[in-house]
Amino acid sequence: SAVLTALAISGLPVDRFTFEGFLPRKPKARDRFLADVA
């Protein structure tokens, strides 16, 4: 799994995580999404 492989190698906390998949393609929708998870 690319998700778990990336988490394991990242060096960031992995006790709690959320997978968000691909971000929206359109810039405004992408920026709103990032703001929602900030």
PDB file of all heavy atoms in Angstrom:
ATOM      1  N   SER A   1       0.840  -1.184   0.000  1.00  0.00           N
ATOM      2  CA  SER A   1       0.000   0.000   0.000  1.00  0.00           C
ATOM      3  C   SER A   1       0.880   1.240   0.000  1.00  0.00           C
ATOM      4  O   SER A   1       1.729   1.400   0.888  1.00  0.00           O
ATOM      5  CB  SER A   1      -0.912   0.014   1.234  1.00  0.00           C
ATOM      6  OG  SER A   1      -1.475   1.283   1.445  1.00  0.00           O
ATOM      7  N   ALA A   2       0.688   2.115  -0.972  1.00  0.00           N
ATOM      8  CA  ALA A   2       1.475   3.345  -1.020  1.00  0.00           C
ATOM      9  C   ALA A   2       1.188   4.219   0.190  1.00  0.00           C
ATOM     10  O   ALA A   2       2.071   4.942   0.680  1.00  0.00           O
ATOM     11  CB  ALA A   2       1.174   4.105  -2.310  1.00  0.00           C
ATOM     12  N   VAL A   3      -0.056   4.167   0.682  1.00  0.00           N
ATOM     13  CA  VAL A   3      -0.424   4.977   1.847  1.00  0.00           C
ATOM     14  C   VAL A   3       0.409   4.581   3.060  1.00  0.00           C
ATOM     15  O   VAL A   3       1.058   5.417   3.697  1.00  0.00           O
ATOM     16  CB  VAL A   3      -1.927   4.818   2.161  1.00  0.00           C
ATOM     17  CG1 VAL A   3      -2.287   5.600   3.419  1.00  0.00           C
ATOM     18  CG2 VAL A   3      -2.774   5.285   0.994  1.00  0.00           C
ATOM     19  N   LEU A   4       0.407   3.299   3.388  1.00  0.00           N
ATOM     20  CA  LEU A   4       1.121   2.834   4.572  1.00  0.00           C
ATOM     21  C   LEU A   4       2.637   2.907   4.385  1.00  0.00           C
ATOM     22  O   LEU A   4       3.374   3.200   5.332  1.00  0.00           O
ATOM     23  CB  LEU A   4       0.699   1.407   4.912  1.00  0.00           C
ATOM     24  CG  LEU A   4      -0.773   1.234   5.286  1.00  0.00           C
ATOM     25  CD1 LEU A   4      -1.066  -0.221   5.617  1.00  0.00           C
ATOM     26  CD2 LEU A   4      -1.151   2.130   6.454  1.00  0.00           C
ATOM     27  N   THR A   5       3.103   2.642   3.168  1.00  0.00           N
ATOM     28  CA  THR A   5       4.540   2.724   2.900  1.00  0.00           C
ATOM     29  C   THR A   5       5.041   4.142   3.103  1.00  0.00           C
ATOM     30  O   THR A   5       6.078   4.378   3.727  1.00  0.00           O
ATOM     31  CB  THR A   5       4.842   2.250   1.475  1.00  0.00           C
ATOM     32  OG1 THR A   5       4.348   0.917   1.297  1.00  0.00           O
ATOM     33  CG2 THR A   5       6.337   2.266   1.192  1.00  0.00           C
ATOM     34  N   ALA A   6       4.295   5.116   2.579  1.00  0.00           N
ATOM     35  CA  ALA A   6       4.683   6.515   2.718  1.00  0.00           C
ATOM     36  C   ALA A   6       4.633   6.962   4.173  1.00  0.00           C
ATOM     37  O   ALA A   6       5.517   7.681   4.653  1.00  0.00           O
ATOM     38  CB  ALA A   6       3.770   7.397   1.863  1.00  0.00           C
ATOM     39  N   LEU A   7       3.604   6.545   4.900  1.00  0.00           N
ATOM     40  CA  LEU A   7       3.513   6.888   6.321  1.00  0.00           C
ATOM     41  C   LEU A   7       4.710   6.336   7.095  1.00  0.00           C
ATOM     42  O   LEU A   7       5.323   7.044   7.906  1.00  0.00           O
ATOM     43  CB  LEU A   7       2.221   6.318   6.904  1.00  0.00           C
ATOM     44  CG  LEU A   7       0.956   7.147   6.754  1.00  0.00           C
ATOM     45  CD1 LEU A   7      -0.262   6.306   7.104  1.00  0.00           C
ATOM     46  CD2 LEU A   7       1.003   8.382   7.649  1.00  0.00           C
ATOM     47  N   ALA A   8       5.037   5.080   6.838  1.00  0.00           N
ATOM     48  CA  ALA A   8       6.107   4.429   7.585  1.00  0.00           C
ATOM     49  C   ALA A   8       7.452   5.102   7.358  1.00  0.00           C
ATOM     50  O   ALA A   8       8.263   5.216   8.286  1.00  0.00           O
ATOM     51  CB  ALA A   8       6.185   2.953   7.208  1.00  0.00           C
ATOM     52  N   ILE A   9       7.683   5.569   6.130  1.00  0.00           N
ATOM     53  CA  ILE A   9       8.983   6.133   5.788  1.00  0.00           C
ATOM     54  C   ILE A   9       9.052   7.632   6.031  1.00  0.00           C
ATOM     55  O   ILE A   9      10.134   8.233   5.996  1.00  0.00           O
ATOM     56  CB  ILE A   9       9.323   5.815   4.311  1.00  0.00           C
ATOM     57  CG1 ILE A   9      10.836   5.837   4.078  1.00  0.00           C
ATOM     58  CG2 ILE A   9       8.623   6.775   3.351  1.00  0.00           C
ATOM     59  CD1 ILE A   9      11.240   5.338   2.699  1.00  0.00           C
ATOM     60  N   SER A  10       7.909   8.258   6.301  1.00  0.00           N
ATOM     61  CA  SER A  10       7.855   9.724   6.382  1.00  0.00           C
ATOM     62  C   SER A  10       8.612  10.303   7.563  1.00  0.00           C
ATOM     63  O   SER A  10       9.170  11.408   7.479  1.00  0.00           O
ATOM     64  CB  SER A  10       6.399  10.188   6.435  1.00  0.00           C
ATOM     65  OG  SER A  10       5.802   9.846   7.681  1.00  0.00           O
ATOM     66  N   GLY A  11       8.603   9.606   8.693  1.00  0.00           N
ATOM     67  CA  GLY A  11       9.191  10.185   9.893  1.00  0.00           C
ATOM     68  C   GLY A  11       8.233  11.084  10.637  1.00  0.00           C
ATOM     69  O   GLY A  11       8.594  11.676  11.664  1.00  0.00           O
ATOM     70  N   LEU A  12       6.984  11.184  10.158  1.00  0.00           N
ATOM     71  CA  LEU A  12       5.952  11.968  10.829  1.00  0.00           C
ATOM     72  C   LEU A  12       5.127  11.041  11.737  1.00  0.00           C
ATOM     73  O   LEU A  12       5.150   9.823  11.565  1.00  0.00           O
ATOM     74  CB  LEU A  12       5.049  12.646   9.799  1.00  0.00           C
ATOM     75  CG  LEU A  12       5.739  13.684   8.908  1.00  0.00           C
ATOM     76  CD1 LEU A  12       4.750  14.246   7.881  1.00  0.00           C
ATOM     77  CD2 LEU A  12       6.347  14.811   9.734  1.00  0.00           C
ATOM     78  N   PRO A  13       4.382  11.608  12.697  1.00  0.00           N
ATOM     79  CA  PRO A  13       3.579  10.764  13.594  1.00  0.00           C
ATOM     80  C   PRO A  13       2.611   9.883  12.815  1.00  0.00           C
ATOM     81  O   PRO A  13       1.936  10.343  11.897  1.00  0.00           O
ATOM     82  CB  PRO A  13       2.821  11.792  14.447  1.00  0.00           C
ATOM     83  CG  PRO A  13       3.697  13.007  14.436  1.00  0.00           C
ATOM     84  CD  PRO A  13       4.304  13.040  13.064  1.00  0.00           C
ATOM     85  N   VAL A  14       2.518   8.611  13.196  1.00  0.00           N
ATOM     86  CA  VAL A  14       1.647   7.668  12.482  1.00  0.00           C
ATOM     87  C   VAL A  14       0.634   7.002  13.403  1.00  0.00           C
ATOM     88  O   VAL A  14      -0.084   6.093  12.991  1.00  0.00           O
ATOM     89  CB  VAL A  14       2.480   6.579  11.749  1.00  0.00           C
ATOM     90  CG1 VAL A  14       3.347   7.195  10.689  1.00  0.00           C
ATOM     91  CG2 VAL A  14       3.335   5.788  12.742  1.00  0.00           C
ATOM     92  N   ASP A  15       0.572   7.472  14.668  1.00  0.00           N
ATOM     93  CA  ASP A  15      -0.387   6.866  15.591  1.00  0.00           C
ATOM     94  C   ASP A  15      -1.821   7.194  15.185  1.00  0.00           C
ATOM     95  O   ASP A  15      -2.739   6.416  15.429  1.00  0.00           O
ATOM     96  CB  ASP A  15      -0.116   7.317  17.027  1.00  0.00           C
ATOM     97  CG  ASP A  15      -0.079   8.832  17.180  1.00  0.00           C
ATOM     98  OD1 ASP A  15       0.290   9.526  16.213  1.00  0.00           O
ATOM     99  OD2 ASP A  15      -0.404   9.325  18.286  1.00  0.00           O
ATOM    100  N   ARG A  16      -2.032   8.345  14.538  1.00  0.00           N
ATOM    101  CA  ARG A  16      -3.347   8.727  14.030  1.00  0.00           C
ATOM    102  C   ARG A  16      -3.130   9.417  12.689  1.00  0.00           C
ATOM    103  O   ARG A  16      -2.321  10.334  12.580  1.00  0.00           O
ATOM    104  CB  ARG A  16      -4.067   9.677  14.995  1.00  0.00           C
ATOM    105  CG  ARG A  16      -4.333   9.084  16.358  1.00  0.00           C
ATOM    106  CD  ARG A  16      -4.945  10.096  17.309  1.00  0.00           C
ATOM    107  NE  ARG A  16      -6.303  10.454  16.884  1.00  0.00           N
ATOM    108  CZ  ARG A  16      -6.723  11.708  16.745  1.00  0.00           C
ATOM    109  NH1 ARG A  16      -5.889  12.714  16.923  1.00  0.00           N
ATOM    110  NH2 ARG A  16      -7.970  11.943  16.401  1.00  0.00           N
ATOM    111  N   PHE A  17      -3.847   8.961  11.677  1.00  0.00           N
ATOM    112  CA  PHE A  17      -3.685   9.575  10.359  1.00  0.00           C
ATOM    113  C   PHE A  17      -4.996   9.507   9.590  1.00  0.00           C
ATOM    114  O   PHE A  17      -5.906   8.752   9.920  1.00  0.00           O
ATOM    115  CB  PHE A  17      -2.566   8.900   9.557  1.00  0.00           C
ATOM    116  CG  PHE A  17      -2.858   7.472   9.166  1.00  0.00           C
ATOM    117  CD1 PHE A  17      -3.495   7.183   7.965  1.00  0.00           C
ATOM    118  CD2 PHE A  17      -2.485   6.415   9.989  1.00  0.00           C
ATOM    119  CE1 PHE A  17      -3.760   5.866   7.593  1.00  0.00           C
ATOM    120  CE2 PHE A  17      -2.753   5.097   9.627  1.00  0.00           C
ATOM    121  CZ  PHE A  17      -3.389   4.824   8.431  1.00  0.00           C
ATOM    122  N   THR A  18      -5.085  10.306   8.539  1.00  0.00           N
ATOM    123  CA  THR A  18      -6.257  10.295   7.666  1.00  0.00           C
ATOM    124  C   THR A  18      -5.794  10.308   6.214  1.00  0.00           C
ATOM    125  O   THR A  18      -4.897  11.070   5.848  1.00  0.00           O
ATOM    126  CB  THR A  18      -7.184  11.499   7.942  1.00  0.00           C
ATOM    127  OG1 THR A  18      -8.236  11.526   6.973  1.00  0.00           O
ATOM    128  CG2 THR A  18      -6.440  12.820   7.914  1.00  0.00           C
ATOM    129  N   PHE A  19      -6.374   9.434   5.415  1.00  0.00           N
ATOM    130  CA  PHE A  19      -6.039   9.364   3.993  1.00  0.00           C
ATOM    131  C   PHE A  19      -7.075  10.155   3.217  1.00  0.00           C
ATOM    132  O   PHE A  19      -8.269   9.885   3.290  1.00  0.00           O
ATOM    133  CB  PHE A  19      -6.020   7.903   3.528  1.00  0.00           C
ATOM    134  CG  PHE A  19      -5.850   7.745   2.040  1.00  0.00           C
ATOM    135  CD1 PHE A  19      -4.771   8.309   1.393  1.00  0.00           C
ATOM    136  CD2 PHE A  19      -6.780   7.037   1.281  1.00  0.00           C
ATOM    137  CE1 PHE A  19      -4.611   8.173   0.020  1.00  0.00           C
ATOM    138  CE2 PHE A  19      -6.626   6.895  -0.068  1.00  0.00           C
ATOM    139  CZ  PHE A  19      -5.543   7.464  -0.712  1.00  0.00           C
ATOM    140  N   GLU A  20      -6.621  11.144   2.447  1.00  0.00           N
ATOM    141  CA  GLU A  20      -7.525  12.051   1.735  1.00  0.00           C
ATOM    142  C   GLU A  20      -7.561  11.818   0.233  1.00  0.00           C
ATOM    143  O   GLU A  20      -8.234  12.549  -0.486  1.00  0.00           O
ATOM    144  CB  GLU A  20      -7.126  13.512   2.028  1.00  0.00           C
ATOM    145  CG  GLU A  20      -7.164  13.892   3.500  1.00  0.00           C
ATOM    146  CD  GLU A  20      -8.566  13.856   4.089  1.00  0.00           C
ATOM    147  OE1 GLU A  20      -9.540  13.853   3.307  1.00  0.00           O
ATOM    148  OE2 GLU A  20      -8.702  13.832   5.325  1.00  0.00           O
ATOM    149  N   GLY A  21      -6.831  10.813  -0.262  1.00  0.00           N
ATOM    150  CA  GLY A  21      -6.878  10.511  -1.690  1.00  0.00           C
ATOM    151  C   GLY A  21      -6.298  11.631  -2.537  1.00  0.00           C
ATOM    152  O   GLY A  21      -5.394  12.355  -2.115  1.00  0.00           O
ATOM    153  N   PHE A  22      -6.854  11.797  -3.736  1.00  0.00           N
ATOM    154  CA  PHE A  22      -6.414  12.865  -4.637  1.00  0.00           C
ATOM    155  C   PHE A  22      -7.164  14.150  -4.314  1.00  0.00           C
ATOM    156  O   PHE A  22      -8.379  14.137  -4.091  1.00  0.00           O
ATOM    157  CB  PHE A  22      -6.680  12.485  -6.091  1.00  0.00           C
ATOM    158  CG  PHE A  22      -5.708  11.492  -6.652  1.00  0.00           C
ATOM    159  CD1 PHE A  22      -5.985  10.127  -6.625  1.00  0.00           C
ATOM    160  CD2 PHE A  22      -4.509  11.902  -7.208  1.00  0.00           C
ATOM    161  CE1 PHE A  22      -5.096   9.202  -7.140  1.00  0.00           C
ATOM    162  CE2 PHE A  22      -3.605  10.985  -7.740  1.00  0.00           C
ATOM    163  CZ  PHE A  22      -3.901   9.630  -7.705  1.00  0.00           C
ATOM    164  N   LEU A  23      -6.462  15.256  -4.316  1.00  0.00           N
ATOM    165  CA  LEU A  23      -7.091  16.554  -4.132  1.00  0.00           C
ATOM    166  C   LEU A  23      -7.897  16.926  -5.373  1.00  0.00           C
ATOM    167  O   LEU A  23      -7.630  16.433  -6.473  1.00  0.00           O
ATOM    168  CB  LEU A  23      -6.022  17.625  -3.894  1.00  0.00           C
ATOM    169  CG  LEU A  23      -5.374  17.607  -2.508  1.00  0.00           C
ATOM    170  CD1 LEU A  23      -4.087  18.415  -2.523  1.00  0.00           C
ATOM    171  CD2 LEU A  23      -6.333  18.140  -1.467  1.00  0.00           C
ATOM    172  N   PRO A  24      -8.901  17.814  -5.229  1.00  0.00           N
ATOM    173  CA  PRO A  24      -9.653  18.268  -6.404  1.00  0.00           C
ATOM    174  C   PRO A  24      -8.722  18.875  -7.453  1.00  0.00           C
ATOM    175  O   PRO A  24      -7.708  19.494  -7.119  1.00  0.00           O
ATOM    176  CB  PRO A  24     -10.591  19.338  -5.821  1.00  0.00           C
ATOM    177  CG  PRO A  24     -10.749  18.957  -4.386  1.00  0.00           C
ATOM    178  CD  PRO A  24      -9.418  18.390  -3.974  1.00  0.00           C
ATOM    179  N   ARG A  25      -9.087  18.706  -8.705  1.00  0.00           N
ATOM    180  CA  ARG A  25      -8.244  19.200  -9.795  1.00  0.00           C
ATOM    181  C   ARG A  25      -8.260  20.722  -9.922  1.00  0.00           C
ATOM    182  O   ARG A  25      -7.231  21.344 -10.200  1.00  0.00           O
ATOM    183  CB  ARG A  25      -8.689  18.581 -11.132  1.00  0.00           C
ATOM    184  CG  ARG A  25      -8.445  17.076 -11.228  1.00  0.00           C
ATOM    185  CD  ARG A  25      -9.047  16.519 -12.513  1.00  0.00           C
ATOM    186  NE  ARG A  25      -8.804  15.092 -12.628  1.00  0.00           N
ATOM    187  CZ  ARG A  25      -7.762  14.557 -13.253  1.00  0.00           C
ATOM    188  NH1 ARG A  25      -6.867  15.350 -13.824  1.00  0.00           N
ATOM    189  NH2 ARG A  25      -7.615  13.247 -13.327  1.00  0.00           N
ATOM    190  N   LYS A  26      -9.443  21.318  -9.716  1.00  0.00           N
ATOM    191  CA  LYS A  26      -9.560  22.766  -9.912  1.00  0.00           C
ATOM    192  C   LYS A  26      -8.954  23.507  -8.717  1.00  0.00           C
ATOM    193  O   LYS A  26      -9.215  23.166  -7.568  1.00  0.00           O
ATOM    194  CB  LYS A  26     -11.020  23.150 -10.092  1.00  0.00           C
ATOM    195  CG  LYS A  26     -11.623  22.576 -11.372  1.00  0.00           C
ATOM    196  CD  LYS A  26     -13.054  23.040 -11.577  1.00  0.00           C
ATOM    197  CE  LYS A  26     -13.614  22.488 -12.895  1.00  0.00           C
ATOM    198  NZ  LYS A  26     -15.020  22.918 -13.122  1.00  0.00           N
ATOM    199  N   PRO A  27      -8.143  24.549  -8.992  1.00  0.00           N
ATOM    200  CA  PRO A  27      -7.425  25.247  -7.916  1.00  0.00           C
ATOM    201  C   PRO A  27      -8.315  25.748  -6.781  1.00  0.00           C
ATOM    202  O   PRO A  27      -7.976  25.594  -5.612  1.00  0.00           O
ATOM    203  CB  PRO A  27      -6.745  26.407  -8.646  1.00  0.00           C
ATOM    204  CG  PRO A  27      -6.541  25.902 -10.036  1.00  0.00           C
ATOM    205  CD  PRO A  27      -7.756  25.059 -10.323  1.00  0.00           C
ATOM    206  N   LYS A  28      -9.454  26.358  -7.092  1.00  0.00           N
ATOM    207  CA  LYS A  28     -10.313  26.899  -6.032  1.00  0.00           C
ATOM    208  C   LYS A  28     -10.858  25.787  -5.143  1.00  0.00           C
ATOM    209  O   LYS A  28     -10.884  25.918  -3.917  1.00  0.00           O
ATOM    210  CB  LYS A  28     -11.446  27.715  -6.637  1.00  0.00           C
ATOM    211  CG  LYS A  28     -11.009  29.058  -7.202  1.00  0.00           C
ATOM    212  CD  LYS A  28     -12.206  29.874  -7.674  1.00  0.00           C
ATOM    213  CE  LYS A  28     -11.768  31.238  -8.196  1.00  0.00           C
ATOM    214  NZ  LYS A  28     -12.930  32.050  -8.662  1.00  0.00           N
ATOM    215  N   ALA A  29     -11.302  24.688  -5.775  1.00  0.00           N
ATOM    216  CA  ALA A  29     -11.821  23.559  -5.003  1.00  0.00           C
ATOM    217  C   ALA A  29     -10.703  22.927  -4.172  1.00  0.00           C
ATOM    218  O   ALA A  29     -10.917  22.530  -3.017  1.00  0.00           O
ATOM    219  CB  ALA A  29     -12.442  22.529  -5.930  1.00  0.00           C
ATOM    220  N   ARG A  30      -9.501  22.832  -4.746  1.00  0.00           N
ATOM    221  CA  ARG A  30      -8.355  22.280  -4.013  1.00  0.00           C
ATOM    222  C   ARG A  30      -8.035  23.139  -2.796  1.00  0.00           C
ATOM    223  O   ARG A  30      -7.818  22.632  -1.693  1.00  0.00           O
ATOM    224  CB  ARG A  30      -7.143  22.216  -4.938  1.00  0.00           C
ATOM    225  CG  ARG A  30      -5.845  21.758  -4.260  1.00  0.00           C
ATOM    226  CD  ARG A  30      -4.644  22.228  -5.046  1.00  0.00           C
ATOM    227  NE  ARG A  30      -4.606  23.686  -5.118  1.00  0.00           N
ATOM    228  CZ  ARG A  30      -4.010  24.368  -6.093  1.00  0.00           C
ATOM    229  NH1 ARG A  30      -3.415  23.731  -7.091  1.00  0.00           N
ATOM    230  NH2 ARG A  30      -4.009  25.689  -6.080  1.00  0.00           N
ATOM    231  N   ASP A  31      -7.998  24.460  -2.980  1.00  0.00           N
ATOM    232  CA  ASP A  31      -7.659  25.358  -1.880  1.00  0.00           C
ATOM    233  C   ASP A  31      -8.715  25.308  -0.777  1.00  0.00           C
ATOM    234  O   ASP A  31      -8.387  25.364   0.415  1.00  0.00           O
ATOM    235  CB  ASP A  31      -7.498  26.789  -2.391  1.00  0.00           C
ATOM    236  CG  ASP A  31      -6.300  26.934  -3.330  1.00  0.00           C
ATOM    237  OD1 ASP A  31      -5.490  25.987  -3.403  1.00  0.00           O
ATOM    238  OD2 ASP A  31      -6.183  27.989  -3.986  1.00  0.00           O
ATOM    239  N   ARG A  32      -9.992  25.200  -1.155  1.00  0.00           N
ATOM    240  CA  ARG A  32     -11.051  25.074  -0.151  1.00  0.00           C
ATOM    241  C   ARG A  32     -10.895  23.782   0.635  1.00  0.00           C
ATOM    242  O   ARG A  32     -11.086  23.744   1.860  1.00  0.00           O
ATOM    243  CB  ARG A  32     -12.430  25.123  -0.819  1.00  0.00           C
ATOM    244  CG  ARG A  32     -12.883  26.505  -1.228  1.00  0.00           C
ATOM    245  CD  ARG A  32     -14.378  26.523  -1.493  1.00  0.00           C
ATOM    246  NE  ARG A  32     -14.753  25.610  -2.567  1.00  0.00           N
ATOM    247  CZ  ARG A  32     -14.827  25.943  -3.840  1.00  0.00           C
ATOM    248  NH1 ARG A  32     -14.541  27.190  -4.216  1.00  0.00           N
ATOM    249  NH2 ARG A  32     -15.190  25.069  -4.765  1.00  0.00           N
ATOM    250  N   PHE A  33     -10.549  22.707  -0.085  1.00  0.00           N
ATOM    251  CA  PHE A  33     -10.359  21.413   0.583  1.00  0.00           C
ATOM    252  C   PHE A  33      -9.216  21.499   1.586  1.00  0.00           C
ATOM    253  O   PHE A  33      -9.341  21.031   2.727  1.00  0.00           O
ATOM    254  CB  PHE A  33     -10.069  20.328  -0.447  1.00  0.00           C
ATOM    255  CG  PHE A  33     -10.056  18.941   0.111  1.00  0.00           C
ATOM    256  CD1 PHE A  33     -11.176  18.140   0.052  1.00  0.00           C
ATOM    257  CD2 PHE A  33      -8.911  18.428   0.713  1.00  0.00           C
ATOM    258  CE1 PHE A  33     -11.161  16.854   0.586  1.00  0.00           C
ATOM    259  CE2 PHE A  33      -8.880  17.158   1.247  1.00  0.00           C
ATOM    260  CZ  PHE A  33     -10.013  16.370   1.177  1.00  0.00           C
ATOM    261  N   LEU A  34      -8.099  22.088   1.183  1.00  0.00           N
ATOM    262  CA  LEU A  34      -6.958  22.217   2.083  1.00  0.00           C
ATOM    263  C   LEU A  34      -7.311  23.075   3.294  1.00  0.00           C
ATOM    264  O   LEU A  34      -6.886  22.788   4.419  1.00  0.00           O
ATOM    265  CB  LEU A  34      -5.760  22.808   1.338  1.00  0.00           C
ATOM    266  CG  LEU A  34      -5.102  21.899   0.293  1.00  0.00           C
ATOM    267  CD1 LEU A  34      -4.013  22.649  -0.456  1.00  0.00           C
ATOM    268  CD2 LEU A  34      -4.525  20.641   0.942  1.00  0.00           C
ATOM    269  N   ALA A  35      -8.097  24.125   3.070  1.00  0.00           N
ATOM    270  CA  ALA A  35      -8.520  24.976   4.180  1.00  0.00           C
ATOM    271  C   ALA A  35      -9.384  24.186   5.162  1.00  0.00           C
ATOM    272  O   ALA A  35      -9.295  24.380   6.379  1.00  0.00           O
ATOM    273  CB  ALA A  35      -9.282  26.193   3.657  1.00  0.00           C
ATOM    274  N   ASP A  36     -10.205  23.283   4.637  1.00  0.00           N
ATOM    275  CA  ASP A  36     -11.078  22.476   5.490  1.00  0.00           C
ATOM    276  C   ASP A  36     -10.285  21.523   6.391  1.00  0.00           C
ATOM    277  O   ASP A  36     -10.738  21.182   7.490  1.00  0.00           O
ATOM    278  CB  ASP A  36     -12.056  21.659   4.642  1.00  0.00           C
ATOM    279  CG  ASP A  36     -13.190  22.505   4.081  1.00  0.00           C
ATOM    280  OD1 ASP A  36     -13.382  23.634   4.569  1.00  0.00           O
ATOM    281  OD2 ASP A  36     -13.871  22.039   3.148  1.00  0.00           O
ATOM    282  N   VAL A  37      -9.110  21.067   5.923  1.00  0.00           N
ATOM    283  CA  VAL A  37      -8.330  20.115   6.724  1.00  0.00           C
ATOM    284  C   VAL A  37      -7.137  20.781   7.405  1.00  0.00           C
ATOM    285  O   VAL A  37      -6.327  20.099   8.026  1.00  0.00           O
ATOM    286  CB  VAL A  37      -7.840  18.925   5.856  1.00  0.00           C
ATOM    287  CG1 VAL A  37      -9.012  18.159   5.285  1.00  0.00           C
ATOM    288  CG2 VAL A  37      -6.900  19.388   4.737  1.00  0.00           C
ATOM    289  N   ALA A  38      -7.043  22.104   7.316  1.00  0.00           N
ATOM    290  CA  ALA A  38      -5.887  22.801   7.880  1.00  0.00           C
ATOM    291  C   ALA A  38      -5.784  22.616   9.390  1.00  0.00           C
ATOM    292  O   ALA A  38      -4.685  22.620   9.947  1.00  0.00           O
ATOM    293  CB  ALA A  38      -5.954  24.288   7.532  1.00  0.00           C
TER     294      ALA A  38
END
